[in-house]
Protein backbone atom coordinates (compact mmCIF):
# COMPACT_ATOMS: atom_id res chain seq x y z
CA UNK A 1 0.00 0.00 0.00
CA UNK A 2 1.50 3.33 -1.05
CA UNK A 3 1.12 6.55 0.93
CA UNK A 4 -1.34 7.63 -1.76
CA UNK A 5 -3.79 5.04 -0.38
CA UNK A 6 -3.16 5.65 3.33
CA UNK A 7 -4.80 7.90 5.86
CA UNK A 8 -2.41 10.67 6.85
CA UNK A 9 -1.79 11.66 10.45
CA UNK A 10 -1.72 15.41 10.97
CA UNK A 11 -1.05 17.91 13.74
CA UNK A 12 -3.68 20.65 13.41
CA UNK A 13 -2.53 24.16 14.27
CA UNK A 14 -4.67 27.30 14.43
CA UNK A 15 -4.01 28.29 10.81
CA UNK A 16 -2.27 25.30 9.20
CA UNK A 17 -1.49 21.65 9.72
CA UNK A 18 1.68 19.59 9.79
CA UNK A 19 1.95 16.09 8.33
CA UNK A 20 3.16 13.61 10.95
CA UNK A 21 2.57 10.50 8.81
CA UNK A 22 2.24 10.78 5.02
CA UNK A 23 -0.96 9.81 3.31
CA UNK A 24 -3.44 11.05 0.74
CA UNK A 25 -6.33 11.91 3.04
CA UNK A 26 -7.71 12.24 6.56
CA UNK A 27 -11.11 11.15 7.82
CA UNK A 28 -13.84 13.55 8.90
CA UNK A 29 -14.18 13.23 12.69
CA UNK A 30 -17.97 13.32 12.44
CA UNK A 31 -18.91 11.46 9.26
CA UNK A 32 -15.84 9.30 8.61
CA UNK A 33 -15.74 10.53 5.00
CA UNK A 34 -12.22 10.67 3.49
CA UNK A 35 -10.99 14.23 2.89
CA UNK A 36 -8.10 14.60 0.39
CA UNK A 37 -5.36 16.71 1.96
CA UNK A 38 -5.54 19.17 -0.95
CA UNK A 39 -9.21 19.79 -0.06
CA UNK A 40 -8.86 19.97 3.74
CA UNK A 41 -10.13 23.38 4.87
CA UNK A 42 -11.86 22.81 8.22
CA UNK A 43 -10.40 21.46 11.46
CA UNK A 44 -10.18 22.11 15.16
CA UNK A 45 -6.71 22.69 16.59
CA UNK A 46 -8.14 22.31 20.10
CA UNK A 47 -9.81 18.96 19.38
CA UNK A 48 -7.25 17.82 16.76
CA UNK A 49 -10.08 16.84 14.39
CA UNK A 50 -10.76 17.36 10.69
CA UNK A 51 -14.19 18.14 9.21
CA UNK A 52 -15.51 17.57 5.70
CA UNK A 53 -17.41 20.89 5.47
CA UNK A 54 -17.95 24.18 7.24
CA UNK A 55 -21.48 23.07 8.18
CA UNK A 56 -20.17 19.92 9.86
CA UNK A 57 -17.43 21.87 11.66
CA UNK A 58 -19.88 24.49 12.92
CA UNK A 59 -22.39 21.93 14.16
CA UNK A 60 -19.62 19.93 15.90
CA UNK A 61 -18.18 22.99 17.60
CA UNK A 62 -21.67 24.06 18.75
CA UNK A 63 -22.39 20.57 20.03
CA UNK A 64 -25.27 20.01 17.62
CA UNK A 65 -25.72 16.48 16.26
CA UNK A 66 -24.79 16.80 12.56
CA UNK A 67 -26.87 13.78 11.52
PDB file of N, CA and C in Angstrom:
ATOM      1  N   UNK A   1       0.845  -1.184   0.000  1.00  0.00           N
ATOM      2  CA  UNK A   1       0.000   0.000   0.000  1.00  0.00           C
ATOM      3  C   UNK A   1       0.886   1.241   0.000  1.00  0.00           C
ATOM      4  N   UNK A   2       0.707   2.107  -0.965  1.00  0.00           N
ATOM      5  CA  UNK A   2       1.499   3.330  -1.045  1.00  0.00           C
ATOM      6  C   UNK A   2       0.888   4.400  -0.147  1.00  0.00           C
ATOM      7  N   UNK A   3       1.648   5.470   0.098  1.00  0.00           N
ATOM      8  CA  UNK A   3       1.124   6.555   0.928  1.00  0.00           C
ATOM      9  C   UNK A   3      -0.059   7.240   0.262  1.00  0.00           C
ATOM     10  N   UNK A   4      -0.205   7.044  -1.058  1.00  0.00           N
ATOM     11  CA  UNK A   4      -1.344   7.627  -1.764  1.00  0.00           C
ATOM     12  C   UNK A   4      -2.658   6.962  -1.361  1.00  0.00           C
ATOM     13  N   UNK A   5      -2.587   5.761  -0.790  1.00  0.00           N
ATOM     14  CA  UNK A   5      -3.785   5.040  -0.376  1.00  0.00           C
ATOM     15  C   UNK A   5      -4.029   5.107   1.129  1.00  0.00           C
ATOM     16  N   UNK A   6      -3.110   5.674   1.866  1.00  0.00           N
ATOM     17  CA  UNK A   6      -3.164   5.655   3.333  1.00  0.00           C
ATOM     18  C   UNK A   6      -3.802   6.913   3.899  1.00  0.00           C
ATOM     19  N   UNK A   7      -4.303   6.757   5.107  1.00  0.00           N
ATOM     20  CA  UNK A   7      -4.801   7.900   5.863  1.00  0.00           C
ATOM     21  C   UNK A   7      -3.603   8.599   6.493  1.00  0.00           C
ATOM     22  N   UNK A   8      -3.501   9.890   6.280  1.00  0.00           N
ATOM     23  CA  UNK A   8      -2.411  10.673   6.853  1.00  0.00           C
ATOM     24  C   UNK A   8      -2.707  10.956   8.323  1.00  0.00           C
ATOM     25  N   UNK A   9      -1.644  11.205   9.068  1.00  0.00           N
ATOM     26  CA  UNK A   9      -1.794  11.663  10.453  1.00  0.00           C
ATOM     27  C   UNK A   9      -1.267  13.090  10.485  1.00  0.00           C
ATOM     28  N   UNK A  10      -2.087  14.000  10.976  1.00  0.00           N
ATOM     29  CA  UNK A  10      -1.724  15.414  10.972  1.00  0.00           C
ATOM     30  C   UNK A  10      -1.725  15.992  12.380  1.00  0.00           C
ATOM     31  N   UNK A  11      -0.942  17.056  12.552  1.00  0.00           N
ATOM     32  CA  UNK A  11      -1.048  17.906  13.738  1.00  0.00           C
ATOM     33  C   UNK A  11      -1.739  19.169  13.244  1.00  0.00           C
ATOM     34  N   UNK A  12      -2.893  19.499  13.835  1.00  0.00           N
ATOM     35  CA  UNK A  12      -3.678  20.654  13.407  1.00  0.00           C
ATOM     36  C   UNK A  12      -3.321  21.861  14.252  1.00  0.00           C
ATOM     37  N   UNK A  13      -2.808  22.900  13.605  1.00  0.00           N
ATOM     38  CA  UNK A  13      -2.526  24.158  14.270  1.00  0.00           C
ATOM     39  C   UNK A  13      -3.667  25.129  14.028  1.00  0.00           C
ATOM     40  N   UNK A  14      -3.583  26.335  14.583  1.00  0.00           N
ATOM     41  CA  UNK A  14      -4.666  27.301  14.429  1.00  0.00           C
ATOM     42  C   UNK A  14      -4.883  27.774  12.992  1.00  0.00           C
ATOM     43  N   UNK A  15      -3.836  27.785  12.170  1.00  0.00           N
ATOM     44  CA  UNK A  15      -4.008  28.287  10.806  1.00  0.00           C
ATOM     45  C   UNK A  15      -3.438  27.356   9.738  1.00  0.00           C
ATOM     46  N   UNK A  16      -2.806  26.264  10.153  1.00  0.00           N
ATOM     47  CA  UNK A  16      -2.272  25.295   9.199  1.00  0.00           C
ATOM     48  C   UNK A  16      -2.132  23.950   9.886  1.00  0.00           C
ATOM     49  N   UNK A  17      -1.713  22.971   9.130  1.00  0.00           N
ATOM     50  CA  UNK A  17      -1.488  21.651   9.715  1.00  0.00           C
ATOM     51  C   UNK A  17      -0.127  21.134   9.292  1.00  0.00           C
ATOM     52  N   UNK A  18       0.382  20.201  10.063  1.00  0.00           N
ATOM     53  CA  UNK A  18       1.681  19.592   9.786  1.00  0.00           C
ATOM     54  C   UNK A  18       1.472  18.092   9.610  1.00  0.00           C
ATOM     55  N   UNK A  19       2.074  17.524   8.593  1.00  0.00           N
ATOM     56  CA  UNK A  19       1.950  16.093   8.326  1.00  0.00           C
ATOM     57  C   UNK A  19       2.914  15.326   9.239  1.00  0.00           C
ATOM     58  N   UNK A  20       2.359  14.450  10.068  1.00  0.00           N
ATOM     59  CA  UNK A  20       3.163  13.606  10.947  1.00  0.00           C
ATOM     60  C   UNK A  20       3.410  12.236  10.321  1.00  0.00           C
ATOM     61  N   UNK A  21       2.435  11.752   9.550  1.00  0.00           N
ATOM     62  CA  UNK A  21       2.567  10.496   8.811  1.00  0.00           C
ATOM     63  C   UNK A  21       1.967  10.720   7.432  1.00  0.00           C
ATOM     64  N   UNK A  22       2.743  10.520   6.369  1.00  0.00           N
ATOM     65  CA  UNK A  22       2.243  10.782   5.022  1.00  0.00           C
ATOM     66  C   UNK A  22       1.031   9.928   4.664  1.00  0.00           C
ATOM     67  N   UNK A  23       0.206  10.489   3.827  1.00  0.00           N
ATOM     68  CA  UNK A  23      -0.965   9.813   3.305  1.00  0.00           C
ATOM     69  C   UNK A  23      -1.679  10.746   2.350  1.00  0.00           C
ATOM     70  N   UNK A  24      -2.726  10.254   1.732  1.00  0.00           N
ATOM     71  CA  UNK A  24      -3.438  11.052   0.742  1.00  0.00           C
ATOM     72  C   UNK A  24      -4.636  11.790   1.319  1.00  0.00           C
ATOM     73  N   UNK A  25      -5.095  11.355   2.499  1.00  0.00           N
ATOM     74  CA  UNK A  25      -6.329  11.913   3.038  1.00  0.00           C
ATOM     75  C   UNK A  25      -6.377  11.761   4.553  1.00  0.00           C
ATOM     76  N   UNK A  26      -7.338  12.447   5.158  1.00  0.00           N
ATOM     77  CA  UNK A  26      -7.707  12.242   6.562  1.00  0.00           C
ATOM     78  C   UNK A  26      -9.194  11.923   6.574  1.00  0.00           C
ATOM     79  N   UNK A  27      -9.690  11.472   7.710  1.00  0.00           N
ATOM     80  CA  UNK A  27     -11.106  11.155   7.824  1.00  0.00           C
ATOM     81  C   UNK A  27     -11.820  12.240   8.614  1.00  0.00           C
ATOM     82  N   UNK A  28     -13.014  12.594   8.169  1.00  0.00           N
ATOM     83  CA  UNK A  28     -13.839  13.549   8.899  1.00  0.00           C
ATOM     84  C   UNK A  28     -14.152  12.942  10.257  1.00  0.00           C
ATOM     85  N   UNK A  29     -13.953  13.711  11.325  1.00  0.00           N
ATOM     86  CA  UNK A  29     -14.176  13.226  12.685  1.00  0.00           C
ATOM     87  C   UNK A  29     -15.642  12.921  12.965  1.00  0.00           C
ATOM     88  N   UNK A  30     -16.544  13.506  12.207  1.00  0.00           N
ATOM     89  CA  UNK A  30     -17.975  13.321  12.442  1.00  0.00           C
ATOM     90  C   UNK A  30     -18.566  12.261  11.523  1.00  0.00           C
ATOM     91  N   UNK A  31     -18.261  12.342  10.239  1.00  0.00           N
ATOM     92  CA  UNK A  31     -18.908  11.462   9.260  1.00  0.00           C
ATOM     93  C   UNK A  31     -18.057  10.274   8.847  1.00  0.00           C
ATOM     94  N   UNK A  32     -16.745  10.355   9.049  1.00  0.00           N
ATOM     95  CA  UNK A  32     -15.845   9.298   8.606  1.00  0.00           C
ATOM     96  C   UNK A  32     -15.509   9.345   7.129  1.00  0.00           C
ATOM     97  N   UNK A  33     -16.001  10.357   6.430  1.00  0.00           N
ATOM     98  CA  UNK A  33     -15.744  10.525   4.998  1.00  0.00           C
ATOM     99  C   UNK A  33     -14.274  10.896   4.781  1.00  0.00           C
ATOM    100  N   UNK A  34     -13.605  10.283   3.796  1.00  0.00           N
ATOM    101  CA  UNK A  34     -12.223  10.672   3.491  1.00  0.00           C
ATOM    102  C   UNK A  34     -12.168  12.090   2.908  1.00  0.00           C
ATOM    103  N   UNK A  35     -11.195  12.867   3.375  1.00  0.00           N
ATOM    104  CA  UNK A  35     -10.986  14.229   2.892  1.00  0.00           C
ATOM    105  C   UNK A  35      -9.575  14.290   2.300  1.00  0.00           C
ATOM    106  N   UNK A  36      -9.449  14.461   0.978  1.00  0.00           N
ATOM    107  CA  UNK A  36      -8.104  14.597   0.392  1.00  0.00           C
ATOM    108  C   UNK A  36      -7.382  15.787   1.025  1.00  0.00           C
ATOM    109  N   UNK A  37      -6.097  15.630   1.294  1.00  0.00           N
ATOM    110  CA  UNK A  37      -5.360  16.709   1.960  1.00  0.00           C
ATOM    111  C   UNK A  37      -5.439  18.023   1.192  1.00  0.00           C
ATOM    112  N   UNK A  38      -5.454  17.953  -0.134  1.00  0.00           N
ATOM    113  CA  UNK A  38      -5.540  19.171  -0.948  1.00  0.00           C
ATOM    114  C   UNK A  38      -6.872  19.890  -0.759  1.00  0.00           C
ATOM    115  N   UNK A  39      -7.879  19.197  -0.257  1.00  0.00           N
ATOM    116  CA  UNK A  39      -9.207  19.792  -0.064  1.00  0.00           C
ATOM    117  C   UNK A  39      -9.535  20.074   1.400  1.00  0.00           C
ATOM    118  N   UNK A  40      -8.619  19.773   2.313  1.00  0.00           N
ATOM    119  CA  UNK A  40      -8.862  19.969   3.741  1.00  0.00           C
ATOM    120  C   UNK A  40      -8.861  21.461   4.078  1.00  0.00           C
ATOM    121  N   UNK A  41      -9.986  21.958   4.537  1.00  0.00           N
ATOM    122  CA  UNK A  41     -10.126  23.382   4.868  1.00  0.00           C
ATOM    123  C   UNK A  41     -10.618  23.621   6.297  1.00  0.00           C
ATOM    124  N   UNK A  42     -11.213  22.614   6.920  1.00  0.00           N
ATOM    125  CA  UNK A  42     -11.863  22.808   8.220  1.00  0.00           C
ATOM    126  C   UNK A  42     -11.341  21.801   9.231  1.00  0.00           C
ATOM    127  N   UNK A  43     -10.877  22.322  10.375  1.00  0.00           N
ATOM    128  CA  UNK A  43     -10.404  21.460  11.455  1.00  0.00           C
ATOM    129  C   UNK A  43     -10.433  22.239  12.753  1.00  0.00           C
ATOM    130  N   UNK A  44     -10.280  21.508  13.834  1.00  0.00           N
ATOM    131  CA  UNK A  44     -10.185  22.108  15.162  1.00  0.00           C
ATOM    132  C   UNK A  44      -8.803  21.815  15.717  1.00  0.00           C
ATOM    133  N   UNK A  45      -8.025  22.862  15.975  1.00  0.00           N
ATOM    134  CA  UNK A  45      -6.710  22.686  16.591  1.00  0.00           C
ATOM    135  C   UNK A  45      -6.873  22.212  18.030  1.00  0.00           C
ATOM    136  N   UNK A  46      -7.896  22.696  18.706  1.00  0.00           N
ATOM    137  CA  UNK A  46      -8.143  22.314  20.102  1.00  0.00           C
ATOM    138  C   UNK A  46      -8.491  20.831  20.218  1.00  0.00           C
ATOM    139  N   UNK A  47      -9.358  20.354  19.337  1.00  0.00           N
ATOM    140  CA  UNK A  47      -9.807  18.956  19.384  1.00  0.00           C
ATOM    141  C   UNK A  47      -8.946  18.026  18.531  1.00  0.00           C
ATOM    142  N   UNK A  48      -8.082  18.599  17.687  1.00  0.00           N
ATOM    143  CA  UNK A  48      -7.252  17.823  16.759  1.00  0.00           C
ATOM    144  C   UNK A  48      -8.127  16.927  15.878  1.00  0.00           C
ATOM    145  N   UNK A  49      -9.136  17.545  15.257  1.00  0.00           N
ATOM    146  CA  UNK A  49     -10.076  16.845  14.395  1.00  0.00           C
ATOM    147  C   UNK A  49     -10.233  17.583  13.065  1.00  0.00           C
ATOM    148  N   UNK A  50     -10.476  16.808  12.012  1.00  0.00           N
ATOM    149  CA  UNK A  50     -10.759  17.356  10.687  1.00  0.00           C
ATOM    150  C   UNK A  50     -12.245  17.221  10.401  1.00  0.00           C
ATOM    151  N   UNK A  51     -12.771  18.146   9.578  1.00  0.00           N
ATOM    152  CA  UNK A  51     -14.189  18.137   9.214  1.00  0.00           C
ATOM    153  C   UNK A  51     -14.328  18.278   7.702  1.00  0.00           C
ATOM    154  N   UNK A  52     -15.312  17.607   7.140  1.00  0.00           N
ATOM    155  CA  UNK A  52     -15.511  17.572   5.695  1.00  0.00           C
ATOM    156  C   UNK A  52     -16.101  18.865   5.137  1.00  0.00           C
ATOM    157  N   UNK A  53     -16.787  19.656   5.963  1.00  0.00           N
ATOM    158  CA  UNK A  53     -17.407  20.895   5.469  1.00  0.00           C
ATOM    159  C   UNK A  53     -17.521  21.905   6.602  1.00  0.00           C
ATOM    160  N   UNK A  54     -17.783  23.148   6.222  1.00  0.00           N
ATOM    161  CA  UNK A  54     -17.951  24.185   7.244  1.00  0.00           C
ATOM    162  C   UNK A  54     -19.212  23.930   8.071  1.00  0.00           C
ATOM    163  N   UNK A  55     -20.245  23.373   7.449  1.00  0.00           N
ATOM    164  CA  UNK A  55     -21.478  23.070   8.184  1.00  0.00           C
ATOM    165  C   UNK A  55     -21.230  22.017   9.260  1.00  0.00           C
ATOM    166  N   UNK A  56     -20.489  20.967   8.897  1.00  0.00           N
ATOM    167  CA  UNK A  56     -20.173  19.918   9.864  1.00  0.00           C
ATOM    168  C   UNK A  56     -19.309  20.469  10.986  1.00  0.00           C
ATOM    169  N   UNK A  57     -18.318  21.278  10.646  1.00  0.00           N
ATOM    170  CA  UNK A  57     -17.433  21.867  11.657  1.00  0.00           C
ATOM    171  C   UNK A  57     -18.221  22.754  12.621  1.00  0.00           C
ATOM    172  N   UNK A  58     -19.094  23.583  12.084  1.00  0.00           N
ATOM    173  CA  UNK A  58     -19.880  24.493  12.923  1.00  0.00           C
ATOM    174  C   UNK A  58     -20.795  23.719  13.860  1.00  0.00           C
ATOM    175  N   UNK A  59     -21.485  22.726  13.339  1.00  0.00           N
ATOM    176  CA  UNK A  59     -22.393  21.932  14.163  1.00  0.00           C
ATOM    177  C   UNK A  59     -21.611  21.183  15.253  1.00  0.00           C
ATOM    178  N   UNK A  60     -20.447  20.646  14.920  1.00  0.00           N
ATOM    179  CA  UNK A  60     -19.621  19.926  15.903  1.00  0.00           C
ATOM    180  C   UNK A  60     -19.167  20.866  17.003  1.00  0.00           C
ATOM    181  N   UNK A  61     -18.690  22.048  16.620  1.00  0.00           N
ATOM    182  CA  UNK A  61     -18.185  22.990  17.600  1.00  0.00           C
ATOM    183  C   UNK A  61     -19.290  23.568  18.477  1.00  0.00           C
ATOM    184  N   UNK A  62     -20.521  23.604  17.954  1.00  0.00           N
ATOM    185  CA  UNK A  62     -21.669  24.064  18.750  1.00  0.00           C
ATOM    186  C   UNK A  62     -22.316  22.937  19.545  1.00  0.00           C
ATOM    187  N   UNK A  63     -21.852  21.715  19.314  1.00  0.00           N
ATOM    188  CA  UNK A  63     -22.395  20.573  20.031  1.00  0.00           C
ATOM    189  C   UNK A  63     -23.735  20.100  19.504  1.00  0.00           C
ATOM    190  N   UNK A  64     -24.020  20.434  18.248  1.00  0.00           N
ATOM    191  CA  UNK A  64     -25.269  20.013  17.616  1.00  0.00           C
ATOM    192  C   UNK A  64     -25.008  18.736  16.833  1.00  0.00           C
ATOM    193  N   UNK A  65     -25.876  17.739  16.998  1.00  0.00           N
ATOM    194  CA  UNK A  65     -25.723  16.482  16.263  1.00  0.00           C
ATOM    195  C   UNK A  65     -25.844  16.759  14.773  1.00  0.00           C
ATOM    196  N   UNK A  66     -24.771  16.490  13.983  1.00  0.00           N
ATOM    197  CA  UNK A  66     -24.790  16.797  12.556  1.00  0.00           C
ATOM    198  C   UNK A  66     -25.581  15.806  11.703  1.00  0.00           C
ATOM    199  N   UNK A  67     -26.137  14.789  12.296  1.00  0.00           N
ATOM    200  CA  UNK A  67     -26.869  13.782  11.517  1.00  0.00           C
ATOM    201  C   UNK A  67     -28.178  14.302  10.989  1.00  0.00           C
TER     202      UNK A  67
END
